[in-house]
């Protein structure tokens, strides 16, 4: 059997895609690239979780402070500045 006949059989059976996938998987397993990519992804998700938790804590604290100001008899509610927008553009959202 010649190399051309073997290539024709592999093509006819659709084994080319399977062989390519197996060789790609083997290469990533040997080089450790897949593990590094997974570790980088996990680090990014961990940083996102820390930032989200931090933001929730700050927002909760700010809301409690606003309630304390509203309940304080010496502060007029009109003097409390509005909350900033969540878009991060620096624009101030007005109370409606």
C-alpha atoms as a PDB file:
ATOM      1  CA  UNK A   1       0.000   0.000   0.000  1.00  0.00           C
ATOM      2  CA  UNK A   2       1.439   3.346  -1.030  1.00  0.00           C
ATOM      3  CA  UNK A   3       1.326   6.600   0.881  1.00  0.00           C
ATOM      4  CA  UNK A   4      -1.212   7.978  -1.615  1.00  0.00           C
ATOM      5  CA  UNK A   5      -3.571   5.059  -0.987  1.00  0.00           C
ATOM      6  CA  UNK A   6      -3.245   5.493   2.788  1.00  0.00           C
ATOM      7  CA  UNK A   7      -3.983   9.210   2.455  1.00  0.00           C
ATOM      8  CA  UNK A   8      -7.017   8.422   0.299  1.00  0.00           C
ATOM      9  CA  UNK A   9      -8.360   5.969   2.884  1.00  0.00           C
ATOM     10  CA  UNK A  10      -7.819   8.452   5.733  1.00  0.00           C
ATOM     11  CA  UNK A  11      -9.591  11.170   3.756  1.00  0.00           C
ATOM     12  CA  UNK A  12     -12.475   8.894   2.785  1.00  0.00           C
ATOM     13  CA  UNK A  13     -13.071   7.777   6.355  1.00  0.00           C
ATOM     14  CA  UNK A  14     -12.845  11.309   7.733  1.00  0.00           C
ATOM     15  CA  UNK A  15      -9.974  10.403  10.008  1.00  0.00           C
ATOM     16  CA  UNK A  16      -8.045  13.539   9.097  1.00  0.00           C
ATOM     17  CA  UNK A  17     -10.036  15.715  11.499  1.00  0.00           C
ATOM     18  CA  UNK A  18      -9.731  13.150  14.279  1.00  0.00           C
ATOM     19  CA  UNK A  19      -5.984  12.824  13.775  1.00  0.00           C
ATOM     20  CA  UNK A  20      -5.638  16.619  13.806  1.00  0.00           C
ATOM     21  CA  UNK A  21      -7.621  16.908  17.069  1.00  0.00           C
ATOM     22  CA  UNK A  22      -5.617  14.143  18.717  1.00  0.00           C
ATOM     23  CA  UNK A  23      -2.307  15.687  17.667  1.00  0.00           C
ATOM     24  CA  UNK A  24      -3.429  19.118  18.924  1.00  0.00           C
ATOM     25  CA  UNK A  25      -4.491  17.620  22.270  1.00  0.00           C
ATOM     26  CA  UNK A  26      -1.189  15.713  22.574  1.00  0.00           C
ATOM     27  CA  UNK A  27       0.838  18.840  21.793  1.00  0.00           C
ATOM     28  CA  UNK A  28      -1.004  20.882  24.433  1.00  0.00           C
ATOM     29  CA  UNK A  29      -0.621  18.076  26.988  1.00  0.00           C
ATOM     30  CA  UNK A  30       3.122  17.781  26.378  1.00  0.00           C
ATOM     31  CA  UNK A  31       3.837  21.527  26.405  1.00  0.00           C
ATOM     32  CA  UNK A  32       1.535  22.304  29.356  1.00  0.00           C
ATOM     33  CA  UNK A  33      -0.053  25.141  27.420  1.00  0.00           C
ATOM     34  CA  UNK A  34      -3.602  24.068  28.290  1.00  0.00           C
ATOM     35  CA  UNK A  35      -2.879  24.054  32.027  1.00  0.00           C
ATOM     36  CA  UNK A  36      -1.305  27.504  31.871  1.00  0.00           C
ATOM     37  CA  UNK A  37      -4.289  28.847  29.964  1.00  0.00           C
ATOM     38  CA  UNK A  38      -6.661  27.331  32.501  1.00  0.00           C
ATOM     39  CA  UNK A  39      -4.625  28.812  35.386  1.00  0.00           C
ATOM     40  CA  UNK A  40      -4.666  32.261  33.778  1.00  0.00           C
ATOM     41  CA  UNK A  41      -8.414  32.027  33.274  1.00  0.00           C
ATOM     42  CA  UNK A  42      -8.943  30.985  36.903  1.00  0.00           C
ATOM     43  CA  UNK A  43      -6.795  33.891  38.123  1.00  0.00           C
ATOM     44  CA  UNK A  44      -8.878  36.312  36.073  1.00  0.00           C
ATOM     45  CA  UNK A  45     -12.143  34.921  37.492  1.00  0.00           C
ATOM     46  CA  UNK A  46     -10.734  35.113  41.044  1.00  0.00           C
ATOM     47  CA  UNK A  47      -9.783  38.770  40.522  1.00  0.00           C
ATOM     48  CA  UNK A  48     -13.266  39.452  39.122  1.00  0.00           C
ATOM     49  CA  UNK A  49     -14.866  37.819  42.181  1.00  0.00           C
ATOM     50  CA  UNK A  50     -12.714  39.864  44.584  1.00  0.00           C
ATOM     51  CA  UNK A  51     -13.596  43.095  42.775  1.00  0.00           C
ATOM     52  CA  UNK A  52     -17.305  42.237  42.743  1.00  0.00           C
ATOM     53  CA  UNK A  53     -17.288  41.484  46.467  1.00  0.00           C
ATOM     54  CA  UNK A  54     -15.430  44.711  47.190  1.00  0.00           C
ATOM     55  CA  UNK A  55     -17.910  46.708  45.097  1.00  0.00           C
ATOM     56  CA  UNK A  56     -20.908  45.122  46.879  1.00  0.00           C
ATOM     57  CA  UNK A  57     -19.433  45.946  50.295  1.00  0.00           C
ATOM     58  CA  UNK A  58     -18.810  49.570  49.335  1.00  0.00           C
ATOM     59  CA  UNK A  59     -22.276  49.966  47.801  1.00  0.00           C
ATOM     60  CA  UNK A  60     -23.921  48.472  50.873  1.00  0.00           C
ATOM     61  CA  UNK A  61     -21.964  50.785  53.168  1.00  0.00           C
ATOM     62  CA  UNK A  62     -22.827  53.839  51.071  1.00  0.00           C
ATOM     63  CA  UNK A  63     -26.515  52.909  51.134  1.00  0.00           C
ATOM     64  CA  UNK A  64     -26.441  52.601  54.941  1.00  0.00           C
ATOM     65  CA  UNK A  65     -24.754  55.997  55.218  1.00  0.00           C
ATOM     66  CA  UNK A  66     -27.396  57.542  52.976  1.00  0.00           C
ATOM     67  CA  UNK A  67     -30.173  56.092  55.151  1.00  0.00           C
ATOM     68  CA  UNK A  68     -28.462  57.499  58.249  1.00  0.00           C
ATOM     69  CA  UNK A  69     -28.273  60.934  56.607  1.00  0.00           C
ATOM     70  CA  UNK A  70     -31.938  60.826  55.599  1.00  0.00           C
ATOM     71  CA  UNK A  71     -32.960  59.866  59.148  1.00  0.00           C
ATOM     72  CA  UNK A  72     -30.750  62.503  60.776  1.00  0.00           C
ATOM     73  CA  UNK A  73     -32.864  65.467  61.897  1.00  0.00           C
ATOM     74  CA  UNK A  74     -30.093  67.974  61.193  1.00  0.00           C
ATOM     75  CA  UNK A  75     -29.674  67.071  57.483  1.00  0.00           C
ATOM     76  CA  UNK A  76     -32.120  68.120  54.790  1.00  0.00           C
ATOM     77  CA  UNK A  77     -32.653  65.359  52.221  1.00  0.00           C
ATOM     78  CA  UNK A  78     -32.176  67.883  49.400  1.00  0.00           C
ATOM     79  CA  UNK A  79     -28.597  68.513  50.581  1.00  0.00           C
ATOM     80  CA  UNK A  80     -27.561  64.875  50.077  1.00  0.00           C
ATOM     81  CA  UNK A  81     -25.657  64.567  46.784  1.00  0.00           C
ATOM     82  CA  UNK A  82     -27.023  62.111  44.211  1.00  0.00           C
ATOM     83  CA  UNK A  83     -25.474  58.710  43.605  1.00  0.00           C
ATOM     84  CA  UNK A  84     -22.990  58.564  40.727  1.00  0.00           C
ATOM     85  CA  UNK A  85     -23.946  56.629  37.616  1.00  0.00           C
ATOM     86  CA  UNK A  86     -22.911  52.988  37.353  1.00  0.00           C
ATOM     87  CA  UNK A  87     -21.425  53.539  33.896  1.00  0.00           C
ATOM     88  CA  UNK A  88     -18.158  54.866  35.265  1.00  0.00           C
ATOM     89  CA  UNK A  89     -18.152  57.868  32.945  1.00  0.00           C
ATOM     90  CA  UNK A  90     -17.966  60.321  35.826  1.00  0.00           C
ATOM     91  CA  UNK A  91     -21.405  61.739  35.094  1.00  0.00           C
ATOM     92  CA  UNK A  92     -23.664  62.399  38.034  1.00  0.00           C
ATOM     93  CA  UNK A  93     -27.152  60.952  37.943  1.00  0.00           C
ATOM     94  CA  UNK A  94     -29.832  63.233  39.342  1.00  0.00           C
ATOM     95  CA  UNK A  95     -32.639  62.041  41.560  1.00  0.00           C
ATOM     96  CA  UNK A  96     -35.980  62.028  39.812  1.00  0.00           C
END
